[in-house]
């Protein structure tokens, strides 16, 4: 029994040592991976810095500010041209009163109606008879209304 306990303690100690070594290896692997990532970041930053230097080689803040002033000046010139082109010509921008506009519209409509009346076909109307028509029917055959009509027509002539 004493040998088994001793053996067990040796195995536990060996297991503990192996566990610590495994932990150290995992830590070293993680550190190595982090170092590789850091190296990759560093290399990319070098490429970025070189690219930015190439871009900014002929680009300075003074040049950018000068160009921005040129752009602003051109925009101002453009706006002045637009303003000049959109100005009203003399007499073109007169404000008219609504009453004046409606009166002018009424006048134009009246002229158009007068013109249409003048252009209508002027066929002569039939003449109105001045005497009552003579009825050749016997007096007995006339109804009361016909008799009254005949009297009115006779009175009118």
C-alpha atoms as a PDB file:
ATOM      1  CA  UNK A   1       0.000   0.000   0.000  1.00  0.00           C
ATOM      2  CA  UNK A   2       2.893   2.301   0.823  1.00  0.00           C
ATOM      3  CA  UNK A   3       4.392   1.830  -2.649  1.00  0.00           C
ATOM      4  CA  UNK A   4       1.094   2.527  -4.346  1.00  0.00           C
ATOM      5  CA  UNK A   5       0.683   5.809  -2.504  1.00  0.00           C
ATOM      6  CA  UNK A   6       4.202   6.792  -3.397  1.00  0.00           C
ATOM      7  CA  UNK A   7       3.598   5.859  -6.998  1.00  0.00           C
ATOM      8  CA  UNK A   8       0.378   7.825  -6.999  1.00  0.00           C
ATOM      9  CA  UNK A   9       2.154  10.923  -5.613  1.00  0.00           C
ATOM     10  CA  UNK A  10       4.824  10.584  -8.303  1.00  0.00           C
ATOM     11  CA  UNK A  11       2.143  10.376 -11.000  1.00  0.00           C
ATOM     12  CA  UNK A  12       0.319  13.381  -9.530  1.00  0.00           C
ATOM     13  CA  UNK A  13       3.569  15.334  -9.403  1.00  0.00           C
ATOM     14  CA  UNK A  14       4.364  14.329 -13.000  1.00  0.00           C
ATOM     15  CA  UNK A  15       0.823  15.275 -14.027  1.00  0.00           C
ATOM     16  CA  UNK A  16       1.159  18.631 -12.292  1.00  0.00           C
ATOM     17  CA  UNK A  17       4.494  19.245 -14.071  1.00  0.00           C
ATOM     18  CA  UNK A  18       2.940  18.302 -17.428  1.00  0.00           C
ATOM     19  CA  UNK A  19      -0.059  20.517 -16.750  1.00  0.00           C
ATOM     20  CA  UNK A  20       2.255  23.473 -15.987  1.00  0.00           C
ATOM     21  CA  UNK A  21       4.305  22.763 -19.107  1.00  0.00           C
ATOM     22  CA  UNK A  22       1.126  22.617 -21.197  1.00  0.00           C
ATOM     23  CA  UNK A  23       0.012  25.911 -19.722  1.00  0.00           C
ATOM     24  CA  UNK A  24       3.407  27.439 -20.551  1.00  0.00           C
ATOM     25  CA  UNK A  25       3.174  26.141 -24.131  1.00  0.00           C
ATOM     26  CA  UNK A  26      -0.315  27.577 -24.559  1.00  0.00           C
ATOM     27  CA  UNK A  27       0.882  30.930 -23.229  1.00  0.00           C
ATOM     28  CA  UNK A  28       3.887  30.861 -25.568  1.00  0.00           C
ATOM     29  CA  UNK A  29       1.647  30.005 -28.563  1.00  0.00           C
ATOM     30  CA  UNK A  30      -0.691  32.866 -27.727  1.00  0.00           C
ATOM     31  CA  UNK A  31       2.256  35.246 -27.293  1.00  0.00           C
ATOM     32  CA  UNK A  32       3.697  34.082 -30.616  1.00  0.00           C
ATOM     33  CA  UNK A  33       0.338  34.628 -32.371  1.00  0.00           C
ATOM     34  CA  UNK A  34       0.053  38.109 -30.850  1.00  0.00           C
ATOM     35  CA  UNK A  35       3.607  38.913 -31.980  1.00  0.00           C
ATOM     36  CA  UNK A  36       2.759  37.733 -35.519  1.00  0.00           C
ATOM     37  CA  UNK A  37      -0.351  39.956 -35.566  1.00  0.00           C
ATOM     38  CA  UNK A  38       1.694  42.901 -34.233  1.00  0.00           C
ATOM     39  CA  UNK A  39       4.327  42.320 -36.964  1.00  0.00           C
ATOM     40  CA  UNK A  40       1.581  42.206 -39.625  1.00  0.00           C
ATOM     41  CA  UNK A  41       0.040  45.430 -38.287  1.00  0.00           C
ATOM     42  CA  UNK A  42       3.480  47.046 -38.285  1.00  0.00           C
ATOM     43  CA  UNK A  43       4.139  45.966 -41.894  1.00  0.00           C
ATOM     44  CA  UNK A  44       0.747  47.307 -43.004  1.00  0.00           C
ATOM     45  CA  UNK A  45       1.421  50.582 -41.217  1.00  0.00           C
ATOM     46  CA  UNK A  46       4.728  50.873 -43.113  1.00  0.00           C
ATOM     47  CA  UNK A  47       2.898  50.371 -46.418  1.00  0.00           C
ATOM     48  CA  UNK A  48       0.223  52.879 -45.357  1.00  0.00           C
ATOM     49  CA  UNK A  49       2.832  55.455 -44.305  1.00  0.00           C
ATOM     50  CA  UNK A  50       4.719  55.066 -47.603  1.00  0.00           C
ATOM     51  CA  UNK A  51       1.481  55.403 -49.607  1.00  0.00           C
ATOM     52  CA  UNK A  52       0.434  58.503 -47.666  1.00  0.00           C
ATOM     53  CA  UNK A  53       3.917  60.028 -48.170  1.00  0.00           C
ATOM     54  CA  UNK A  54       3.555  59.417 -51.902  1.00  0.00           C
ATOM     55  CA  UNK A  55       0.122  61.022 -51.927  1.00  0.00           C
ATOM     56  CA  UNK A  56       1.192  63.987 -49.840  1.00  0.00           C
ATOM     57  CA  UNK A  57       4.483  64.442 -51.686  1.00  0.00           C
ATOM     58  CA  UNK A  58       3.064  67.347 -53.726  1.00  0.00           C
ATOM     59  CA  UNK A  59       0.168  68.091 -51.387  1.00  0.00           C
ATOM     60  CA  UNK A  60       0.627  70.594 -48.598  1.00  0.00           C
ATOM     61  CA  UNK A  61      -1.862  72.423 -46.446  1.00  0.00           C
ATOM     62  CA  UNK A  62      -0.821  75.679 -48.113  1.00  0.00           C
ATOM     63  CA  UNK A  63      -1.550  74.215 -51.549  1.00  0.00           C
ATOM     64  CA  UNK A  64      -4.920  72.860 -50.371  1.00  0.00           C
ATOM     65  CA  UNK A  65      -5.907  76.212 -48.861  1.00  0.00           C
ATOM     66  CA  UNK A  66      -4.821  78.010 -52.046  1.00  0.00           C
ATOM     67  CA  UNK A  67      -6.859  75.613 -54.172  1.00  0.00           C
ATOM     68  CA  UNK A  68      -9.890  76.025 -51.911  1.00  0.00           C
ATOM     69  CA  UNK A  69      -9.632  79.808 -52.306  1.00  0.00           C
ATOM     70  CA  UNK A  70      -9.474  79.339 -56.103  1.00  0.00           C
ATOM     71  CA  UNK A  71     -12.540  77.105 -55.992  1.00  0.00           C
ATOM     72  CA  UNK A  72     -14.413  79.652 -53.861  1.00  0.00           C
ATOM     73  CA  UNK A  73     -13.409  82.455 -56.245  1.00  0.00           C
ATOM     74  CA  UNK A  74     -14.717  80.467 -59.217  1.00  0.00           C
ATOM     75  CA  UNK A  75     -17.963  79.748 -57.373  1.00  0.00           C
ATOM     76  CA  UNK A  76     -18.357  83.474 -56.653  1.00  0.00           C
ATOM     77  CA  UNK A  77     -17.776  84.293 -60.336  1.00  0.00           C
ATOM     78  CA  UNK A  78     -20.324  81.644 -61.333  1.00  0.00           C
ATOM     79  CA  UNK A  79     -22.898  83.105 -58.912  1.00  0.00           C
ATOM     80  CA  UNK A  80     -22.311  86.610 -60.274  1.00  0.00           C
ATOM     81  CA  UNK A  81     -22.828  85.353 -63.832  1.00  0.00           C
ATOM     82  CA  UNK A  82     -26.031  83.558 -62.797  1.00  0.00           C
ATOM     83  CA  UNK A  83     -27.301  86.710 -61.094  1.00  0.00           C
ATOM     84  CA  UNK A  84     -26.551  88.762 -64.193  1.00  0.00           C
ATOM     85  CA  UNK A  85     -28.332  86.286 -66.457  1.00  0.00           C
ATOM     86  CA  UNK A  86     -31.430  86.156 -64.282  1.00  0.00           C
ATOM     87  CA  UNK A  87     -31.918  89.917 -63.958  1.00  0.00           C
ATOM     88  CA  UNK A  88     -35.113  91.206 -65.481  1.00  0.00           C
ATOM     89  CA  UNK A  89     -34.880  93.283 -68.602  1.00  0.00           C
ATOM     90  CA  UNK A  90     -36.165  96.878 -68.361  1.00  0.00           C
ATOM     91  CA  UNK A  91     -39.947  96.863 -68.517  1.00  0.00           C
ATOM     92  CA  UNK A  92     -40.204  93.081 -68.337  1.00  0.00           C
ATOM     93  CA  UNK A  93     -40.676  92.900 -64.607  1.00  0.00           C
ATOM     94  CA  UNK A  94     -43.466  95.452 -64.232  1.00  0.00           C
ATOM     95  CA  UNK A  95     -45.901  94.429 -61.579  1.00  0.00           C
ATOM     96  CA  UNK A  96     -49.495  94.422 -62.806  1.00  0.00           C
ATOM     97  CA  UNK A  97     -52.494  94.794 -60.599  1.00  0.00           C
ATOM     98  CA  UNK A  98     -54.923  91.848 -60.575  1.00  0.00           C
ATOM     99  CA  UNK A  99     -57.807  94.196 -61.403  1.00  0.00           C
ATOM    100  CA  UNK A 100     -55.903  95.462 -64.451  1.00  0.00           C
ATOM    101  CA  UNK A 101     -55.204  91.905 -65.577  1.00  0.00           C
ATOM    102  CA  UNK A 102     -58.862  90.869 -65.196  1.00  0.00           C
ATOM    103  CA  UNK A 103     -60.038  94.004 -67.027  1.00  0.00           C
ATOM    104  CA  UNK A 104     -57.638  93.231 -69.883  1.00  0.00           C
ATOM    105  CA  UNK A 105     -58.844  89.620 -69.981  1.00  0.00           C
ATOM    106  CA  UNK A 106     -62.501  90.741 -70.080  1.00  0.00           C
ATOM    107  CA  UNK A 107     -61.691  93.132 -72.918  1.00  0.00           C
ATOM    108  CA  UNK A 108     -59.944  90.397 -74.893  1.00  0.00           C
ATOM    109  CA  UNK A 109     -62.856  87.992 -74.374  1.00  0.00           C
ATOM    110  CA  UNK A 110     -65.350  90.681 -75.501  1.00  0.00           C
ATOM    111  CA  UNK A 111     -63.278  91.359 -78.637  1.00  0.00           C
ATOM    112  CA  UNK A 112     -63.219  87.646 -79.404  1.00  0.00           C
ATOM    113  CA  UNK A 113     -67.015  87.360 -78.999  1.00  0.00           C
ATOM    114  CA  UNK A 114     -67.550  90.442 -81.194  1.00  0.00           C
ATOM    115  CA  UNK A 115     -65.326  88.915 -83.872  1.00  0.00           C
ATOM    116  CA  UNK A 116     -67.251  85.633 -83.706  1.00  0.00           C
ATOM    117  CA  UNK A 117     -70.536  87.508 -84.100  1.00  0.00           C
ATOM    118  CA  UNK A 118     -69.210  89.333 -87.146  1.00  0.00           C
ATOM    119  CA  UNK A 119     -68.060  86.099 -88.710  1.00  0.00           C
ATOM    120  CA  UNK A 120     -71.383  84.257 -88.289  1.00  0.00           C
ATOM    121  CA  UNK A 121     -73.392  83.429 -91.392  1.00  0.00           C
ATOM    122  CA  UNK A 122     -75.707  86.373 -92.031  1.00  0.00           C
ATOM    123  CA  UNK A 123     -78.575  84.668 -93.806  1.00  0.00           C
ATOM    124  CA  UNK A 124     -81.682  86.866 -93.992  1.00  0.00           C
ATOM    125  CA  UNK A 125     -84.476  86.009 -91.629  1.00  0.00           C
ATOM    126  CA  UNK A 126     -87.934  85.333 -93.075  1.00  0.00           C
ATOM    127  CA  UNK A 127     -90.210  88.360 -93.157  1.00  0.00           C
ATOM    128  CA  UNK A 128     -93.017  88.578 -90.653  1.00  0.00           C
ATOM    129  CA  UNK A 129     -96.495  88.723 -92.228  1.00  0.00           C
ATOM    130  CA  UNK A 130     -98.298  92.012 -91.632  1.00  0.00           C
ATOM    131  CA  UNK A 131    -101.835  90.699 -92.180  1.00  0.00           C
ATOM    132  CA  UNK A 132    -103.696  87.867 -90.625  1.00  0.00           C
ATOM    133  CA  UNK A 133    -103.880  84.743 -92.703  1.00  0.00           C
ATOM    134  CA  UNK A 134    -107.267  84.088 -94.224  1.00  0.00           C
ATOM    135  CA  UNK A 135    -108.955  80.973 -93.066  1.00  0.00           C
ATOM    136  CA  UNK A 136    -111.169  79.299 -95.689  1.00  0.00           C
ATOM    137  CA  UNK A 137    -113.060  77.076 -93.354  1.00  0.00           C
ATOM    138  CA  UNK A 138    -116.745  77.325 -92.616  1.00  0.00           C
ATOM    139  CA  UNK A 139    -117.534  79.283 -89.466  1.00  0.00           C
ATOM    140  CA  UNK A 140    -119.214  76.334 -87.813  1.00  0.00           C
ATOM    141  CA  UNK A 141    -116.118  74.194 -88.086  1.00  0.00           C
ATOM    142  CA  UNK A 142    -114.014  76.592 -86.006  1.00  0.00           C
ATOM    143  CA  UNK A 143    -113.522  75.859 -82.380  1.00  0.00           C
ATOM    144  CA  UNK A 144    -113.728  78.522 -79.747  1.00  0.00           C
ATOM    145  CA  UNK A 145    -109.965  78.837 -79.610  1.00  0.00           C
ATOM    146  CA  UNK A 146    -109.741  79.196 -83.377  1.00  0.00           C
ATOM    147  CA  UNK A 147    -112.406  81.922 -83.292  1.00  0.00           C
ATOM    148  CA  UNK A 148    -110.530  83.822 -80.570  1.00  0.00           C
ATOM    149  CA  UNK A 149    -107.308  83.506 -82.510  1.00  0.00           C
ATOM    150  CA  UNK A 150    -108.977  84.798 -85.667  1.00  0.00           C
ATOM    151  CA  UNK A 151    -110.389  87.797 -83.749  1.00  0.00           C
ATOM    152  CA  UNK A 152    -106.970  88.618 -82.264  1.00  0.00           C
ATOM    153  CA  UNK A 153    -105.322  88.431 -85.644  1.00  0.00           C
ATOM    154  CA  UNK A 154    -107.960  90.600 -87.197  1.00  0.00           C
ATOM    155  CA  UNK A 155    -107.493  93.155 -84.429  1.00  0.00           C
ATOM    156  CA  UNK A 156    -103.755  93.209 -85.002  1.00  0.00           C
ATOM    157  CA  UNK A 157    -104.069  94.012 -88.683  1.00  0.00           C
END
